[in-house]
Structure formats: structure tokens, C-alpha cells
Amino acid sequence: VPTPYTFVTKREVDPLVPKYKLPSYESAPDAPPKFVRDSYSVDDIAGTKPKPLFRFAQRNSTTNDIEGAQPGWRPRHQRVRHESNPITHQFNVRD
């Protein structure tokens, strides 16, 4: 009986459900960057900071105790005119 020329291998793989052994690896954790210096900071050089805007501490400026410093304020003679009843020149003549 003659033997046919065939390719003989030791591999056994199911072509419908192949299982391949792929190379794998585990990544190393990232090392935090080393802080060398802040190149934008110039605090150590004299004269690089601006002078304070005010020499002394500012007081709390409330205007509640100052007459006329609130919005919508009117002098007394104008308030009387606008807050009182309007003057009507019609007389009630029903007797």
C-alpha cells in the first residue's frame, strides 16, 4: 500500500474554537516624577513682589448710618410730596 505525501505535525488546534497561547506581560507601576524646583517662582529674589495696595488695614465701610447714602433716598421735602396722598382739586359737592 503506498502512503500519500502528507504534512505531519504535533500541533493540535480545533479550527472552529482555536485556543492560542499569546505572550503576556505585567506593566510596572509608574514612578512619580521627581520635583526639582519651581522655575516660575521668584519669591526668593528681592523686589519681585508688588507693594501692598493699602498701607494700613481697611475699615468695614457700611453706609447704613449716613443719611442719603442709600439707593432711592430722597430729601424730606421730596418724600412728603411723593409718600402722601395726592392732592385732588375736586370738591365733594353732593349735598
Protein backbone atom coordinates (compact mmCIF):
# COMPACT_ATOMS: atom_id res chain seq x y z
CA VAL A 1 0.00 0.00 0.00
CA PRO A 2 1.50 3.29 -0.98
CA THR A 3 1.48 6.15 1.60
CA PRO A 4 0.45 9.54 0.37
CA TYR A 5 2.63 12.55 0.88
CA THR A 6 1.12 14.32 3.84
CA PHE A 7 2.20 17.06 6.20
CA VAL A 8 2.69 15.67 9.69
CA THR A 9 2.72 17.98 12.74
CA LYS A 10 2.40 17.64 16.50
CA ARG A 11 0.08 20.67 16.78
CA GLU A 12 -3.50 20.04 17.68
CA VAL A 13 -5.79 23.07 17.21
CA ASP A 14 -9.51 22.97 16.75
CA PRO A 15 -10.14 25.34 13.80
CA LEU A 16 -13.66 26.16 14.98
CA VAL A 17 -12.66 27.10 18.55
CA PRO A 18 -8.95 27.88 18.48
CA LYS A 19 -7.04 28.39 21.72
CA TYR A 20 -3.86 30.34 21.30
CA LYS A 21 -1.27 30.93 23.96
CA LEU A 22 -0.34 34.57 23.45
CA PRO A 23 2.61 36.33 25.04
CA SER A 24 1.64 38.47 28.03
CA TYR A 25 3.27 40.91 30.42
CA GLU A 26 2.57 42.91 33.58
CA SER A 27 3.30 46.62 33.40
CA ALA A 28 5.42 48.14 36.13
CA PRO A 29 3.82 50.94 38.18
CA ASP A 30 4.66 54.44 37.00
CA ALA A 31 7.22 56.21 39.14
CA PRO A 32 6.10 59.68 40.32
CA PRO A 33 8.08 62.48 38.69
CA LYS A 34 10.86 63.93 40.76
CA PHE A 35 10.24 67.55 41.84
CA VAL A 36 13.36 69.52 41.07
CA ARG A 37 12.18 73.12 41.55
CA ASP A 38 9.51 75.55 40.52
CA SER A 39 11.12 77.63 37.80
CA TYR A 40 8.31 80.24 37.79
CA SER A 41 8.63 81.08 41.49
CA VAL A 42 10.73 84.20 42.01
CA ASP A 43 9.84 84.78 45.67
CA ASP A 44 13.44 84.39 46.77
CA ILE A 45 14.52 87.44 44.71
CA ALA A 46 14.16 90.80 46.49
CA GLY A 47 11.89 93.31 44.77
CA THR A 48 9.86 90.82 42.72
CA LYS A 49 6.67 91.14 44.82
CA PRO A 50 4.34 94.12 44.35
CA LYS A 51 3.89 96.54 47.21
CA PRO A 52 0.66 96.19 49.21
CA LEU A 53 -2.20 98.20 47.75
CA PHE A 54 -3.02 99.80 51.12
CA ARG A 55 -0.50 100.54 53.86
CA PHE A 56 -3.00 100.02 56.68
CA ALA A 57 -5.90 97.65 57.16
CA GLN A 58 -9.11 98.98 55.64
CA ARG A 59 -12.17 99.56 57.79
CA ASN A 60 -15.51 98.00 57.11
CA SER A 61 -17.34 100.70 55.17
CA THR A 62 -21.05 100.46 55.81
CA THR A 63 -23.24 103.41 54.87
CA ASN A 64 -26.30 102.50 56.93
CA ASP A 65 -25.65 105.29 59.42
CA ILE A 66 -25.15 108.03 56.80
CA GLU A 67 -28.28 109.84 55.71
CA GLY A 68 -28.62 110.00 51.95
CA ALA A 69 -26.14 107.21 51.21
CA GLN A 70 -28.74 104.54 50.38
CA PRO A 71 -30.20 103.97 46.92
CA GLY A 72 -33.57 105.58 46.33
CA TRP A 73 -33.11 108.15 49.09
CA ARG A 74 -34.90 111.46 48.76
CA PRO A 75 -34.71 114.56 50.92
CA ARG A 76 -37.51 115.04 53.45
CA HIS A 77 -39.35 117.69 51.42
CA GLN A 78 -39.49 115.37 48.37
CA ARG A 79 -40.58 112.35 50.42
CA VAL A 80 -43.54 114.22 51.85
CA ARG A 81 -44.67 115.09 48.35
CA HIS A 82 -44.37 111.52 46.98
CA GLU A 83 -45.45 109.46 50.00
CA SER A 84 -48.53 111.46 50.98
CA ASN A 85 -51.93 111.23 49.36
CA PRO A 86 -52.12 113.02 46.04
CA ILE A 87 -53.75 116.41 46.12
CA THR A 88 -57.04 116.41 44.26
CA HIS A 89 -58.73 119.63 43.31
CA GLN A 90 -62.13 118.04 43.02
CA PHE A 91 -64.58 119.01 45.67
CA ASN A 92 -67.30 116.75 47.01
CA VAL A 93 -70.47 118.69 46.17
CA ARG A 94 -73.03 116.00 46.88
CA ASP A 95 -75.31 117.51 49.50
